[in-house]
Amino acid sequence: MVKYVIQRLIAAFFTFVVILIVVFFVLHSMPGDIIDFSPKLDPAIREMIMDKYHLNDSLIEQFQYTMADYLHFDFGYSLKVRPGVPVFQCVLERLPVTIQLNYFAAFFILPFGLFFGITMAIKKDTIYDHIAGSFVILLISVPSFVLAALMQYFLGYKLGWFPLVLETEESLSWSKFYSMILPIMALGFGGIASIARTLRAELAEVLTMDFMLLARAKGLNYRQTILRHALRNSCVPLASTFLYLFLGVLSSSLVIEQIFGVPGLSKTLLQSINGKDHWLTMGIVIFYVLIGLLMAILADLSYGVVDPRIRMGGKKDD
């Protein structure tokens, strides 16, 4: 198991480095100046600023300086979006809203996904299963931003049931939570469909296995066999599925936050890209990459916990 964990950590490290290299050079290849200098600025001051941020050096040297700063946990300062504010502080100030949105979306996905997955498996090949299965396929196929735009137009604008944009107050009040319902649903519908489809397939297969007949023969009723045996075995693969699903929710929130005017990391990221605020962009990208790699590692480890042959380096067919 230790060897398995080390392999995943090494792979994650190299992935992180490659992403940093690609993002750094892509940002610096964008047209325009990183710092907008006034024509009236003294040339000596201009050169001093250029030297401070190593802008007179080659891109390779700039990358080396940047990586050296990151090793000392120095992520620099925002130059345009929030001039003079440390990047780390910018991320921390915008992070709570993004976390709240993703947190509620995750807890919206899990119970509904389990409910529809279980009921579809129990009522396999019935009208309910076919209708619910069609909706599941539809929700998986339609991108979250399309659902967000449709819900915002019909439920928010036409019917007036929900606010069109998120409340901007810092504390989590009822009015703010109410304004988060539409973005939560937009983020959650695809996840519910994925959980339901996966659980339906797993549970429907388990229900036909011999040990289920044995459990019924021992006197357990249908509900007991499902809760004690079938559901327990079917939910094991969902651990890794839910972790990868969280990554999908996190990436989708980048777009959903823009649609509903959520003042989270997505808005700051877009502002930093448009304003060529490279240090802030890199800081936010690092945050998302680290979260993504952490979830991927946990998902890989969960596979190893579920199937010992994986962590031993074997194959499922062995």
Protein backbone atom coordinates (compact mmCIF):
# COMPACT_ATOMS: atom_id res chain seq x y z
CA MET A 1 0.00 0.00 0.00
CA VAL A 2 2.87 2.38 0.81
CA LYS A 3 4.40 1.79 -2.62
CA TYR A 4 1.02 2.42 -4.23
CA VAL A 5 0.65 5.75 -2.39
CA ILE A 6 4.19 6.83 -3.29
CA GLN A 7 3.55 6.08 -6.97
CA ARG A 8 0.43 8.21 -6.96
CA LEU A 9 2.17 11.08 -5.15
CA ILE A 10 5.05 11.06 -7.64
CA ALA A 11 2.63 11.05 -10.57
CA ALA A 12 0.68 13.93 -8.99
CA PHE A 13 3.88 15.93 -8.45
CA PHE A 14 4.97 15.64 -12.09
CA THR A 15 1.44 16.47 -13.24
CA PHE A 16 1.48 19.57 -11.04
CA VAL A 17 4.84 20.71 -12.44
CA VAL A 18 3.75 20.18 -16.05
CA ILE A 19 0.55 22.16 -15.49
CA LEU A 20 2.48 25.02 -13.88
CA ILE A 21 4.91 25.13 -16.81
CA VAL A 22 2.12 25.14 -19.40
CA VAL A 23 0.04 27.79 -17.59
CA PHE A 24 3.06 30.03 -16.97
CA PHE A 25 4.22 30.08 -20.58
CA VAL A 26 0.68 30.38 -21.98
CA LEU A 27 0.01 33.42 -19.78
CA HIS A 28 3.28 35.06 -20.75
CA SER A 29 2.62 34.44 -24.43
CA MET A 30 -0.53 36.57 -24.31
CA PRO A 31 -0.26 39.94 -26.05
CA GLY A 32 0.10 43.11 -24.00
CA ASP A 33 2.20 44.25 -21.07
CA ILE A 34 1.97 42.72 -17.62
CA ILE A 35 2.31 46.16 -16.05
CA ASP A 36 0.71 49.26 -17.57
CA PHE A 37 3.19 52.10 -17.25
CA SER A 38 2.16 55.71 -17.49
CA PRO A 39 3.94 57.65 -20.27
CA LYS A 40 4.87 60.26 -17.64
CA LEU A 41 6.59 57.69 -15.41
CA ASP A 42 10.26 58.32 -14.77
CA PRO A 43 12.35 55.82 -16.81
CA ALA A 44 14.47 55.02 -13.74
CA ILE A 45 11.37 54.03 -11.76
CA ARG A 46 10.16 52.00 -14.70
CA GLU A 47 13.43 50.05 -14.81
CA MET A 48 13.32 49.54 -11.06
CA ILE A 49 9.84 48.00 -11.34
CA MET A 50 10.93 45.86 -14.28
CA ASP A 51 13.89 44.58 -12.29
CA LYS A 52 11.76 43.92 -9.21
CA TYR A 53 9.47 41.59 -11.15
CA HIS A 54 12.30 40.22 -13.34
CA LEU A 55 10.55 41.41 -16.49
CA ASN A 56 13.86 42.20 -18.18
CA ASP A 57 14.93 38.56 -17.87
CA SER A 58 14.13 35.74 -20.26
CA LEU A 59 11.01 33.65 -19.76
CA ILE A 60 13.08 30.73 -18.52
CA GLU A 61 14.68 32.91 -15.85
CA GLN A 62 11.30 34.41 -14.92
CA PHE A 63 9.92 30.91 -14.49
CA GLN A 64 12.86 29.95 -12.27
CA TYR A 65 12.32 33.02 -10.07
CA THR A 66 8.59 32.26 -9.86
CA MET A 67 9.15 28.64 -8.85
CA ALA A 68 11.71 29.73 -6.26
CA ASP A 69 9.13 32.09 -4.75
CA TYR A 70 6.53 29.33 -4.68
CA LEU A 71 8.93 27.05 -2.83
CA HIS A 72 9.04 29.72 -0.12
CA PHE A 73 5.22 30.00 -0.22
CA ASP A 74 5.49 33.47 -1.71
CA PHE A 75 2.72 33.74 -4.31
CA GLY A 76 3.30 37.41 -5.06
CA TYR A 77 0.87 40.31 -5.22
CA SER A 78 -2.04 41.20 -7.42
CA LEU A 79 -1.00 44.01 -9.76
CA LYS A 80 -4.26 44.92 -11.50
CA VAL A 81 -7.38 43.28 -10.07
CA ARG A 82 -6.54 44.24 -6.47
CA PRO A 83 -3.26 46.16 -6.65
CA GLY A 84 -0.90 45.52 -3.77
CA VAL A 85 -2.98 42.77 -2.14
CA PRO A 86 -1.19 39.42 -1.66
CA VAL A 87 -2.43 36.68 -3.97
CA PHE A 88 -2.93 34.34 -1.02
CA GLN A 89 -5.23 36.89 0.63
CA CYS A 90 -7.20 37.38 -2.60
CA VAL A 91 -7.83 33.64 -2.81
CA LEU A 92 -8.82 33.34 0.85
CA GLU A 93 -11.30 36.22 0.60
CA ARG A 94 -13.09 34.76 -2.43
CA LEU A 95 -12.87 31.14 -1.33
CA PRO A 96 -15.78 30.97 1.20
CA VAL A 97 -18.47 31.69 -1.41
CA THR A 98 -17.09 29.07 -3.78
CA ILE A 99 -16.83 26.53 -0.97
CA GLN A 100 -20.41 27.22 0.14
CA LEU A 101 -21.74 26.73 -3.38
CA ASN A 102 -19.86 23.47 -3.95
CA TYR A 103 -20.64 22.21 -0.45
CA PHE A 104 -24.39 22.59 -0.86
CA ALA A 105 -24.23 21.18 -4.39
CA ALA A 106 -22.47 18.05 -3.10
CA PHE A 107 -25.09 17.51 -0.40
CA PHE A 108 -27.82 18.11 -2.96
CA ILE A 109 -26.35 15.46 -5.25
CA LEU A 110 -25.82 12.61 -2.79
CA PRO A 111 -29.32 11.96 -1.34
CA PHE A 112 -31.18 12.48 -4.60
CA GLY A 113 -28.65 10.42 -6.56
CA LEU A 114 -28.96 7.56 -4.08
CA PHE A 115 -32.76 7.76 -4.07
CA PHE A 116 -33.17 7.62 -7.84
CA GLY A 117 -30.44 5.00 -8.25
CA ILE A 118 -32.03 2.68 -5.68
CA THR A 119 -35.60 3.10 -6.92
CA MET A 120 -34.57 2.63 -10.57
CA ALA A 121 -32.73 -0.60 -9.70
CA ILE A 122 -35.60 -1.97 -7.61
CA LYS A 123 -38.12 -1.12 -10.35
CA LYS A 124 -35.87 -2.23 -13.19
CA ASP A 125 -37.51 -2.46 -16.63
CA THR A 126 -40.70 -0.79 -15.40
CA ILE A 127 -42.23 2.40 -16.77
CA TYR A 128 -40.70 4.33 -13.86
CA ASP A 129 -37.24 2.97 -14.71
CA HIS A 130 -37.58 3.91 -18.38
CA ILE A 131 -38.85 7.42 -17.66
CA ALA A 132 -36.27 8.10 -14.94
CA GLY A 133 -33.54 6.61 -17.12
CA SER A 134 -34.47 8.97 -19.96
CA PHE A 135 -34.22 11.97 -17.64
CA VAL A 136 -30.87 10.69 -16.35
CA ILE A 137 -29.48 10.47 -19.88
CA LEU A 138 -30.85 13.94 -20.65
CA LEU A 139 -29.26 15.50 -17.56
CA ILE A 140 -25.92 13.85 -18.29
CA SER A 141 -25.98 14.99 -21.91
CA VAL A 142 -26.93 18.64 -21.34
CA PRO A 143 -24.05 20.84 -20.08
CA SER A 144 -24.52 22.47 -16.71
CA PHE A 145 -24.25 25.99 -18.13
CA VAL A 146 -27.16 25.28 -20.49
CA LEU A 147 -29.28 24.09 -17.58
CA ALA A 148 -28.21 27.15 -15.61
CA ALA A 149 -29.25 29.53 -18.39
CA LEU A 150 -32.61 27.79 -18.87
CA MET A 151 -33.41 27.73 -15.15
CA GLN A 152 -32.35 31.33 -14.75
CA TYR A 153 -34.63 32.39 -17.60
CA PHE A 154 -37.72 30.32 -16.78
CA LEU A 155 -37.58 29.89 -12.99
CA GLY A 156 -35.93 33.22 -12.23
CA TYR A 157 -37.03 35.67 -14.93
CA LYS A 158 -40.33 34.33 -16.28
CA LEU A 159 -41.84 32.82 -13.13
CA GLY A 160 -39.94 34.89 -10.58
CA TRP A 161 -39.57 31.99 -8.16
CA PHE A 162 -35.88 32.54 -7.47
CA PRO A 163 -33.46 35.50 -7.57
CA LEU A 164 -31.53 35.88 -10.81
CA VAL A 165 -28.20 36.52 -9.10
CA LEU A 166 -26.62 35.58 -5.79
CA GLU A 167 -26.94 37.77 -2.71
CA THR A 168 -23.62 39.50 -1.98
CA GLU A 169 -23.79 39.57 1.82
CA GLU A 170 -20.87 37.81 3.51
CA SER A 171 -22.74 35.84 6.19
CA LEU A 172 -24.85 32.83 5.21
CA SER A 173 -28.42 33.98 5.78
CA TRP A 174 -31.68 32.49 4.55
CA SER A 175 -31.97 35.08 1.77
CA LYS A 176 -28.47 34.25 0.57
CA PHE A 177 -29.14 30.51 0.69
CA TYR A 178 -32.40 31.06 -1.20
CA SER A 179 -30.51 32.93 -3.91
CA MET A 180 -28.09 29.97 -4.14
CA ILE A 181 -30.80 27.42 -4.98
CA LEU A 182 -30.65 27.92 -8.75
CA PRO A 183 -26.84 27.62 -9.04
CA ILE A 184 -26.93 24.63 -6.65
CA MET A 185 -29.48 22.88 -8.86
CA ALA A 186 -27.52 23.75 -12.00
CA LEU A 187 -24.41 22.21 -10.48
CA GLY A 188 -26.23 19.25 -8.97
CA PHE A 189 -28.48 17.84 -11.68
CA GLY A 190 -25.65 16.32 -13.69
CA GLY A 191 -24.14 14.80 -10.55
CA ILE A 192 -27.47 13.33 -9.48
CA ALA A 193 -27.81 11.70 -12.89
CA SER A 194 -24.28 10.25 -12.73
CA ILE A 195 -24.77 8.81 -9.23
CA ALA A 196 -28.18 7.42 -10.14
CA ARG A 197 -26.93 5.73 -13.31
CA THR A 198 -23.90 4.19 -11.58
CA LEU A 199 -25.85 2.97 -8.56
CA ARG A 200 -28.68 1.64 -10.69
CA ALA A 201 -26.26 -0.49 -12.73
CA GLU A 202 -24.40 -1.79 -9.66
CA LEU A 203 -27.49 -2.47 -7.57
CA ALA A 204 -29.41 -4.15 -10.39
CA GLU A 205 -26.50 -6.55 -10.87
CA VAL A 206 -26.15 -7.29 -7.14
CA LEU A 207 -29.87 -8.04 -6.81
CA THR A 208 -29.50 -10.98 -9.21
CA MET A 209 -26.58 -12.61 -7.37
CA ASP A 210 -26.86 -15.90 -5.50
CA PHE A 211 -26.12 -14.50 -2.05
CA MET A 212 -29.24 -12.34 -2.32
CA LEU A 213 -31.36 -15.46 -2.79
CA LEU A 214 -29.57 -17.02 0.18
CA ALA A 215 -30.37 -13.99 2.33
CA ARG A 216 -34.04 -14.26 1.40
CA ALA A 217 -33.97 -17.99 2.14
CA LYS A 218 -32.68 -17.25 5.65
CA GLY A 219 -35.81 -15.26 6.38
CA LEU A 220 -34.85 -11.67 5.57
CA ASN A 221 -37.54 -9.66 3.83
CA TYR A 222 -36.91 -7.78 0.60
CA ARG A 223 -36.20 -4.46 2.32
CA GLN A 224 -33.71 -6.03 4.73
CA THR A 225 -31.80 -7.77 1.95
CA ILE A 226 -31.46 -4.49 0.07
CA LEU A 227 -30.37 -2.39 3.05
CA ARG A 228 -28.09 -4.95 4.71
CA HIS A 229 -26.53 -6.65 1.70
CA ALA A 230 -27.29 -5.26 -1.75
CA LEU A 231 -26.91 -1.55 -1.01
CA ARG A 232 -23.75 -2.04 1.02
CA ASN A 233 -22.04 -3.89 -1.84
CA SER A 234 -23.34 -1.53 -4.51
CA CYS A 235 -22.25 1.68 -2.78
CA VAL A 236 -18.57 0.71 -2.54
CA PRO A 237 -17.71 1.90 -6.11
CA LEU A 238 -19.56 5.16 -5.44
CA ALA A 239 -16.81 6.38 -3.10
CA SER A 240 -14.39 6.99 -5.96
CA THR A 241 -17.20 8.03 -8.28
CA PHE A 242 -18.30 10.77 -5.89
CA LEU A 243 -14.74 12.11 -5.58
CA TYR A 244 -14.41 12.45 -9.33
CA LEU A 245 -17.89 13.92 -9.40
CA PHE A 246 -16.77 16.59 -6.95
CA LEU A 247 -14.07 17.57 -9.44
CA GLY A 248 -16.74 17.94 -12.09
CA VAL A 249 -18.82 20.14 -9.80
CA LEU A 250 -15.78 22.26 -8.96
CA SER A 251 -14.91 22.80 -12.62
CA SER A 252 -18.53 23.49 -13.56
CA SER A 253 -18.76 26.11 -10.83
CA LEU A 254 -16.27 28.23 -12.80
CA VAL A 255 -18.99 28.78 -15.41
CA ILE A 256 -22.01 28.69 -13.10
CA GLU A 257 -20.53 31.43 -10.92
CA GLN A 258 -20.29 33.69 -13.95
CA ILE A 259 -23.89 33.06 -15.00
CA PHE A 260 -25.35 33.81 -11.56
CA GLY A 261 -22.93 36.58 -10.62
CA VAL A 262 -21.39 34.66 -7.74
CA PRO A 263 -18.49 36.71 -6.26
CA GLY A 264 -16.24 33.68 -5.92
CA LEU A 265 -12.92 32.54 -7.30
CA SER A 266 -14.32 32.19 -10.81
CA LYS A 267 -15.01 35.92 -11.13
CA THR A 268 -11.57 36.79 -9.78
CA LEU A 269 -9.92 34.29 -12.12
CA LEU A 270 -11.64 35.74 -15.17
CA GLN A 271 -10.75 39.29 -14.12
CA SER A 272 -7.12 38.31 -13.62
CA ILE A 273 -6.91 36.65 -17.05
CA ASN A 274 -8.52 39.59 -18.85
CA GLY A 275 -6.35 42.05 -16.92
CA LYS A 276 -3.12 40.06 -17.41
CA ASP A 277 -2.71 39.82 -13.65
CA HIS A 278 -0.45 36.79 -14.03
CA TRP A 279 0.48 36.34 -10.38
CA LEU A 280 -3.17 36.24 -9.32
CA THR A 281 -4.08 33.91 -12.19
CA MET A 282 -1.28 31.52 -11.27
CA GLY A 283 -2.32 31.56 -7.61
CA ILE A 284 -5.93 30.63 -8.39
CA VAL A 285 -4.86 27.99 -10.91
CA ILE A 286 -2.54 26.46 -8.31
CA PHE A 287 -5.45 26.22 -5.88
CA TYR A 288 -7.69 24.43 -8.38
CA VAL A 289 -4.90 22.13 -9.53
CA LEU A 290 -4.03 21.13 -5.96
CA ILE A 291 -7.67 20.40 -5.14
CA GLY A 292 -8.04 18.41 -8.35
CA LEU A 293 -4.91 16.35 -7.74
CA LEU A 294 -5.92 15.71 -4.14
CA MET A 295 -9.32 14.41 -5.21
CA ALA A 296 -7.72 12.27 -7.92
CA ILE A 297 -5.27 10.76 -5.41
CA LEU A 298 -8.06 10.02 -2.94
CA ALA A 299 -10.10 8.42 -5.72
CA ASP A 300 -7.14 6.24 -6.75
CA LEU A 301 -6.55 5.22 -3.14
CA SER A 302 -10.21 4.37 -2.70
CA TYR A 303 -9.90 1.96 -5.64
CA GLY A 304 -6.95 0.37 -3.85
CA VAL A 305 -8.93 0.03 -0.64
CA VAL A 306 -11.90 -1.53 -2.43
CA ASP A 307 -9.83 -3.95 -4.53
CA PRO A 308 -6.56 -5.09 -2.87
CA ARG A 309 -5.32 -6.42 -6.22
CA ILE A 310 -5.00 -2.84 -7.48
CA ARG A 311 -2.71 -1.68 -4.69
CA MET A 312 -0.70 -4.88 -5.04
CA GLY A 313 -0.06 -4.05 -8.69
CA GLY A 314 -2.28 -6.80 -10.03
CA LYS A 315 -5.12 -6.71 -12.50
CA LYS A 316 -8.79 -7.26 -11.97
CA ASP A 317 -8.72 -10.30 -14.22
CA ASP A 318 -5.95 -12.00 -12.23
